[in-house]
């Protein structure tokens, strides 16, 4: 499984970004997938996740300011982020957990850096 994230960059506070993550090597439409982020000196945290059935859940940090969606035809998950704040500065990773029957294996993309200037 390979995950290729893109869409990060430098944005001013209050701005918006859309991140994309293309998955390969999995049965994407059957998989749950999500976005995490990690700021310098902090633990990685959930931003948003979407199930194979389209159910979504959001972490506390960006709830109400982001939307996760998926396009199964393109094997792609998106994260639309609005009203960005400097504290949203982090590397954003897409995550795809697969259960092989002995527990989950988590696949991670390489991350895309989001920098929000004040």
N, C-alpha and C. Protein backbone atom coordinates (compact mmCIF):
# COMPACT_ATOMS: atom_id res chain seq x y z
N UNK A 1 0.85 -1.18 0.00
CA UNK A 1 0.00 0.00 0.00
C UNK A 1 0.89 1.24 0.00
N UNK A 2 0.57 2.15 -0.88
CA UNK A 2 1.30 3.43 -0.92
C UNK A 2 0.30 4.58 -0.89
N UNK A 3 0.66 5.60 -0.15
CA UNK A 3 -0.18 6.78 0.00
C UNK A 3 0.65 8.00 -0.39
N UNK A 4 0.12 8.80 -1.29
CA UNK A 4 0.83 9.98 -1.76
C UNK A 4 0.00 11.20 -1.45
N UNK A 5 0.48 11.99 -0.49
CA UNK A 5 -0.25 13.19 -0.07
C UNK A 5 0.29 14.41 -0.79
N UNK A 6 -0.58 15.36 -1.00
CA UNK A 6 -0.17 16.61 -1.63
C UNK A 6 -1.15 17.71 -1.23
N UNK A 7 -0.79 18.95 -1.57
CA UNK A 7 -1.69 20.06 -1.34
C UNK A 7 -1.29 20.99 -0.22
N UNK A 8 -0.26 20.63 0.52
CA UNK A 8 0.17 21.51 1.59
C UNK A 8 0.87 22.75 1.03
N UNK A 9 1.17 23.66 1.93
CA UNK A 9 1.84 24.87 1.51
C UNK A 9 1.73 25.95 2.56
N UNK A 10 2.07 27.15 2.17
CA UNK A 10 2.02 28.31 3.05
C UNK A 10 0.73 29.07 2.80
N UNK A 11 0.01 29.34 3.86
CA UNK A 11 -1.25 30.07 3.73
C UNK A 11 -1.37 31.03 4.90
N UNK A 12 -2.04 32.14 4.67
CA UNK A 12 -2.25 33.11 5.74
C UNK A 12 -3.38 32.65 6.65
N UNK A 13 -3.32 33.10 7.87
CA UNK A 13 -4.40 32.79 8.81
C UNK A 13 -5.74 33.22 8.23
N UNK A 14 -6.71 32.36 8.40
CA UNK A 14 -8.03 32.61 7.84
C UNK A 14 -8.23 32.00 6.47
N UNK A 15 -7.16 31.54 5.87
CA UNK A 15 -7.24 30.97 4.54
C UNK A 15 -7.68 29.52 4.54
N UNK A 16 -7.67 28.94 3.34
CA UNK A 16 -8.12 27.57 3.15
C UNK A 16 -7.11 26.78 2.34
N UNK A 17 -7.15 25.49 2.51
CA UNK A 17 -6.34 24.57 1.72
C UNK A 17 -7.13 23.29 1.52
N UNK A 18 -6.83 22.60 0.43
CA UNK A 18 -7.37 21.27 0.23
C UNK A 18 -6.21 20.31 0.03
N UNK A 19 -6.15 19.34 0.89
CA UNK A 19 -5.15 18.29 0.79
C UNK A 19 -5.75 17.10 0.05
N UNK A 20 -4.87 16.41 -0.66
CA UNK A 20 -5.28 15.20 -1.37
C UNK A 20 -4.34 14.07 -1.02
N UNK A 21 -4.87 12.87 -1.04
CA UNK A 21 -4.04 11.69 -0.80
C UNK A 21 -4.53 10.59 -1.73
N UNK A 22 -3.62 10.14 -2.58
CA UNK A 22 -3.94 9.07 -3.52
C UNK A 22 -3.38 7.76 -2.98
N UNK A 23 -4.22 6.76 -2.94
CA UNK A 23 -3.82 5.46 -2.44
C UNK A 23 -3.65 4.48 -3.59
N UNK A 24 -2.70 3.60 -3.44
CA UNK A 24 -2.51 2.53 -4.40
C UNK A 24 -2.16 1.26 -3.66
N UNK A 25 -2.49 0.13 -4.26
CA UNK A 25 -2.15 -1.14 -3.66
C UNK A 25 -3.16 -1.68 -2.67
N UNK A 26 -4.30 -1.03 -2.57
CA UNK A 26 -5.34 -1.52 -1.66
C UNK A 26 -6.68 -1.49 -2.39
N UNK A 27 -7.65 -2.16 -1.80
CA UNK A 27 -9.01 -2.08 -2.34
C UNK A 27 -9.67 -0.84 -1.75
N UNK A 28 -9.31 0.29 -2.29
CA UNK A 28 -9.58 1.59 -1.67
C UNK A 28 -11.04 1.75 -1.26
N UNK A 29 -11.94 1.37 -2.11
CA UNK A 29 -13.36 1.61 -1.82
C UNK A 29 -13.84 0.83 -0.59
N UNK A 30 -13.10 -0.20 -0.21
CA UNK A 30 -13.47 -1.01 0.95
C UNK A 30 -12.75 -0.59 2.22
N UNK A 31 -11.92 0.43 2.11
CA UNK A 31 -11.05 0.80 3.22
C UNK A 31 -11.48 2.09 3.91
N UNK A 32 -11.30 2.10 5.21
CA UNK A 32 -11.37 3.36 5.94
C UNK A 32 -10.06 4.12 5.69
N UNK A 33 -10.12 5.43 5.76
CA UNK A 33 -8.92 6.22 5.55
C UNK A 33 -9.06 7.54 6.29
N UNK A 34 -7.94 8.12 6.67
CA UNK A 34 -8.04 9.35 7.45
C UNK A 34 -6.84 10.24 7.32
N UNK A 35 -6.93 11.36 7.98
CA UNK A 35 -5.85 12.34 8.05
C UNK A 35 -5.45 12.56 9.50
N UNK A 36 -4.15 12.59 9.72
CA UNK A 36 -3.58 12.94 11.01
C UNK A 36 -2.63 14.12 10.78
N UNK A 37 -2.25 14.74 11.87
CA UNK A 37 -1.25 15.78 11.76
C UNK A 37 -0.30 15.73 12.95
N UNK A 38 0.88 16.26 12.73
CA UNK A 38 1.87 16.31 13.81
C UNK A 38 2.61 17.63 13.73
N UNK A 39 2.47 18.40 14.77
CA UNK A 39 3.17 19.67 14.89
C UNK A 39 4.49 19.43 15.60
N UNK A 40 5.45 20.30 15.41
CA UNK A 40 6.75 20.13 16.08
C UNK A 40 6.60 20.01 17.60
N UNK A 41 7.20 18.97 18.14
CA UNK A 41 7.17 18.78 19.58
C UNK A 41 5.87 18.22 20.12
N UNK A 42 4.95 17.87 19.24
CA UNK A 42 3.66 17.36 19.69
C UNK A 42 3.41 15.97 19.13
N UNK A 43 2.46 15.29 19.74
CA UNK A 43 2.10 13.97 19.27
C UNK A 43 1.23 14.06 18.02
N UNK A 44 1.27 13.01 17.25
CA UNK A 44 0.41 12.93 16.08
C UNK A 44 -1.04 12.81 16.55
N UNK A 45 -1.92 13.54 15.89
CA UNK A 45 -3.32 13.53 16.31
C UNK A 45 -4.24 13.38 15.11
N UNK A 46 -5.41 12.80 15.38
CA UNK A 46 -6.41 12.63 14.34
C UNK A 46 -7.00 13.98 13.95
N UNK A 47 -7.08 14.19 12.64
CA UNK A 47 -7.79 15.36 12.14
C UNK A 47 -9.19 14.93 11.68
N UNK A 48 -9.24 13.91 10.83
CA UNK A 48 -10.53 13.44 10.32
C UNK A 48 -10.36 12.07 9.72
N UNK A 49 -11.43 11.31 9.70
CA UNK A 49 -11.40 9.99 9.08
C UNK A 49 -12.74 9.74 8.40
N UNK A 50 -12.69 8.89 7.40
CA UNK A 50 -13.91 8.54 6.68
C UNK A 50 -13.91 7.04 6.43
N UNK A 51 -15.04 6.41 6.70
CA UNK A 51 -15.13 4.97 6.54
C UNK A 51 -15.39 4.61 5.08
N UNK A 52 -15.32 3.32 4.81
CA UNK A 52 -15.62 2.86 3.46
C UNK A 52 -17.06 3.21 3.08
N UNK A 53 -17.91 3.30 4.06
CA UNK A 53 -19.31 3.63 3.81
C UNK A 53 -19.60 5.11 3.81
N UNK A 54 -18.57 5.92 4.01
CA UNK A 54 -18.76 7.36 3.96
C UNK A 54 -19.02 8.03 5.29
N UNK A 55 -19.02 7.26 6.37
CA UNK A 55 -19.20 7.90 7.68
C UNK A 55 -17.93 8.65 8.06
N UNK A 56 -18.12 9.81 8.64
CA UNK A 56 -16.98 10.65 8.98
C UNK A 56 -16.89 10.86 10.48
N UNK A 57 -15.67 11.09 10.93
CA UNK A 57 -15.44 11.52 12.29
C UNK A 57 -14.30 12.52 12.27
N UNK A 58 -14.36 13.44 13.24
CA UNK A 58 -13.40 14.52 13.26
C UNK A 58 -12.76 14.62 14.64
N UNK A 59 -11.48 14.94 14.61
CA UNK A 59 -10.79 15.22 15.85
C UNK A 59 -11.21 16.56 16.39
N UNK A 60 -10.87 16.79 17.64
CA UNK A 60 -11.29 18.00 18.31
C UNK A 60 -10.66 19.25 17.69
N UNK A 61 -9.41 19.12 17.28
CA UNK A 61 -8.63 20.31 16.91
C UNK A 61 -9.20 21.09 15.72
N UNK A 62 -9.76 20.39 14.75
CA UNK A 62 -10.24 21.10 13.57
C UNK A 62 -11.73 20.87 13.31
N UNK A 63 -12.42 20.33 14.28
CA UNK A 63 -13.84 20.07 14.09
C UNK A 63 -14.57 21.37 13.76
N UNK A 64 -15.38 21.31 12.72
CA UNK A 64 -16.12 22.50 12.29
C UNK A 64 -15.37 23.35 11.29
N UNK A 65 -14.08 23.07 11.11
CA UNK A 65 -13.28 23.86 10.17
C UNK A 65 -12.71 23.01 9.04
N UNK A 66 -13.05 21.75 9.02
CA UNK A 66 -12.53 20.91 7.95
C UNK A 66 -13.59 19.90 7.52
N UNK A 67 -13.42 19.41 6.32
CA UNK A 67 -14.32 18.41 5.76
C UNK A 67 -13.50 17.35 5.05
N UNK A 68 -13.74 16.11 5.40
CA UNK A 68 -13.08 15.01 4.72
C UNK A 68 -14.05 14.39 3.73
N UNK A 69 -13.51 14.01 2.58
CA UNK A 69 -14.33 13.38 1.56
C UNK A 69 -13.46 12.40 0.79
N UNK A 70 -14.11 11.57 0.00
CA UNK A 70 -13.36 10.59 -0.76
C UNK A 70 -13.98 10.42 -2.14
N UNK A 71 -13.12 10.06 -3.08
CA UNK A 71 -13.55 9.75 -4.44
C UNK A 71 -13.00 8.37 -4.75
N UNK A 72 -13.84 7.38 -4.63
CA UNK A 72 -13.37 6.00 -4.82
C UNK A 72 -12.92 5.73 -6.25
N UNK A 73 -13.48 6.44 -7.19
CA UNK A 73 -13.08 6.24 -8.59
C UNK A 73 -11.64 6.69 -8.82
N UNK A 74 -11.18 7.62 -7.98
CA UNK A 74 -9.81 8.14 -8.11
C UNK A 74 -8.90 7.65 -6.99
N UNK A 75 -9.41 6.75 -6.15
CA UNK A 75 -8.61 6.25 -5.01
C UNK A 75 -8.03 7.40 -4.20
N UNK A 76 -8.82 8.42 -3.98
CA UNK A 76 -8.32 9.65 -3.38
C UNK A 76 -9.20 10.08 -2.21
N UNK A 77 -8.54 10.54 -1.17
CA UNK A 77 -9.23 11.15 -0.04
C UNK A 77 -8.79 12.61 0.01
N UNK A 78 -9.73 13.47 0.36
CA UNK A 78 -9.47 14.90 0.43
C UNK A 78 -9.70 15.42 1.84
N UNK A 79 -9.00 16.49 2.16
CA UNK A 79 -9.26 17.20 3.40
C UNK A 79 -9.32 18.68 3.07
N UNK A 80 -10.51 19.22 3.18
CA UNK A 80 -10.69 20.65 2.96
C UNK A 80 -10.63 21.34 4.31
N UNK A 81 -9.70 22.29 4.43
CA UNK A 81 -9.51 23.00 5.69
C UNK A 81 -9.81 24.48 5.50
N UNK A 82 -10.60 25.02 6.36
CA UNK A 82 -10.99 26.42 6.29
C UNK A 82 -10.61 27.14 7.59
N UNK A 83 -10.63 28.45 7.52
CA UNK A 83 -10.37 29.29 8.70
C UNK A 83 -9.10 28.84 9.41
N UNK A 84 -8.06 28.66 8.64
CA UNK A 84 -6.82 28.11 9.21
C UNK A 84 -6.20 29.08 10.21
N UNK A 85 -5.58 28.49 11.21
CA UNK A 85 -4.94 29.25 12.28
C UNK A 85 -3.46 28.89 12.33
N UNK A 86 -2.63 29.75 12.87
CA UNK A 86 -1.20 29.41 12.99
C UNK A 86 -0.97 28.09 13.72
N UNK A 87 -1.83 27.77 14.67
CA UNK A 87 -1.66 26.51 15.41
C UNK A 87 -2.03 25.28 14.59
N UNK A 88 -2.53 25.49 13.38
CA UNK A 88 -2.77 24.36 12.48
C UNK A 88 -1.51 23.98 11.71
N UNK A 89 -0.46 24.74 11.90
CA UNK A 89 0.81 24.42 11.25
C UNK A 89 1.30 23.05 11.70
N UNK A 90 1.53 22.17 10.74
CA UNK A 90 1.90 20.80 11.05
C UNK A 90 2.17 20.06 9.74
N UNK A 91 2.73 18.89 9.88
CA UNK A 91 2.79 17.95 8.76
C UNK A 91 1.53 17.10 8.83
N UNK A 92 0.85 17.04 7.73
CA UNK A 92 -0.41 16.30 7.64
C UNK A 92 -0.16 14.98 6.90
N UNK A 93 -0.60 13.91 7.53
CA UNK A 93 -0.38 12.57 7.00
C UNK A 93 -1.71 11.89 6.71
N UNK A 94 -1.77 11.18 5.61
CA UNK A 94 -2.93 10.33 5.42
C UNK A 94 -2.60 8.94 5.96
N UNK A 95 -3.63 8.29 6.44
CA UNK A 95 -3.48 7.02 7.14
C UNK A 95 -4.52 6.03 6.64
N UNK A 96 -4.09 4.83 6.34
CA UNK A 96 -5.00 3.79 5.90
C UNK A 96 -4.75 2.56 6.76
N UNK A 97 -5.69 2.21 7.62
CA UNK A 97 -5.52 1.03 8.47
C UNK A 97 -6.14 -0.21 7.81
N UNK A 98 -5.38 -1.27 7.78
CA UNK A 98 -5.89 -2.52 7.22
C UNK A 98 -5.81 -3.61 8.28
N UNK A 99 -6.87 -4.38 8.35
CA UNK A 99 -6.94 -5.48 9.31
C UNK A 99 -6.68 -6.77 8.57
N UNK A 100 -5.57 -7.41 8.89
CA UNK A 100 -5.22 -8.68 8.26
C UNK A 100 -5.64 -9.85 9.12
N UNK A 101 -6.47 -9.59 10.10
CA UNK A 101 -6.98 -10.67 10.95
C UNK A 101 -6.22 -10.83 12.24
N UNK A 102 -5.06 -10.19 12.32
CA UNK A 102 -4.26 -10.28 13.55
C UNK A 102 -4.06 -8.88 14.13
N UNK A 103 -4.95 -7.99 13.78
CA UNK A 103 -4.82 -6.61 14.23
C UNK A 103 -4.54 -5.71 13.05
N UNK A 104 -4.64 -4.43 13.31
CA UNK A 104 -4.49 -3.47 12.22
C UNK A 104 -3.02 -3.17 11.93
N UNK A 105 -2.74 -2.99 10.66
CA UNK A 105 -1.48 -2.40 10.21
C UNK A 105 -1.83 -1.04 9.63
N UNK A 106 -1.13 -0.03 10.10
CA UNK A 106 -1.40 1.33 9.65
C UNK A 106 -0.38 1.75 8.60
N UNK A 107 -0.89 2.12 7.45
CA UNK A 107 -0.04 2.64 6.40
C UNK A 107 -0.12 4.16 6.41
N UNK A 108 1.04 4.77 6.22
CA UNK A 108 1.13 6.23 6.28
C UNK A 108 1.71 6.78 5.00
N UNK A 109 1.19 7.93 4.60
CA UNK A 109 1.81 8.66 3.51
C UNK A 109 3.03 9.41 4.01
N UNK A 110 3.69 10.09 3.11
CA UNK A 110 4.94 10.77 3.44
C UNK A 110 4.69 12.10 4.16
N UNK A 111 3.47 12.55 4.15
CA UNK A 111 3.15 13.81 4.82
C UNK A 111 3.27 15.00 3.90
N UNK A 112 2.45 15.99 4.17
CA UNK A 112 2.53 17.24 3.43
C UNK A 112 2.48 18.38 4.45
N UNK A 113 3.38 19.31 4.32
CA UNK A 113 3.55 20.37 5.31
C UNK A 113 2.56 21.50 5.05
N UNK A 114 1.85 21.86 6.08
CA UNK A 114 0.97 23.02 6.06
C UNK A 114 1.53 24.05 7.03
N UNK A 115 1.78 25.24 6.52
CA UNK A 115 2.29 26.32 7.34
C UNK A 115 1.30 27.48 7.27
N UNK A 116 0.82 27.89 8.43
CA UNK A 116 -0.15 28.99 8.50
C UNK A 116 0.52 30.18 9.15
N UNK A 117 0.61 31.25 8.41
CA UNK A 117 1.26 32.46 8.93
C UNK A 117 0.22 33.39 9.56
N UNK A 118 0.68 34.10 10.57
CA UNK A 118 -0.24 35.01 11.27
C UNK A 118 -0.28 36.38 10.62
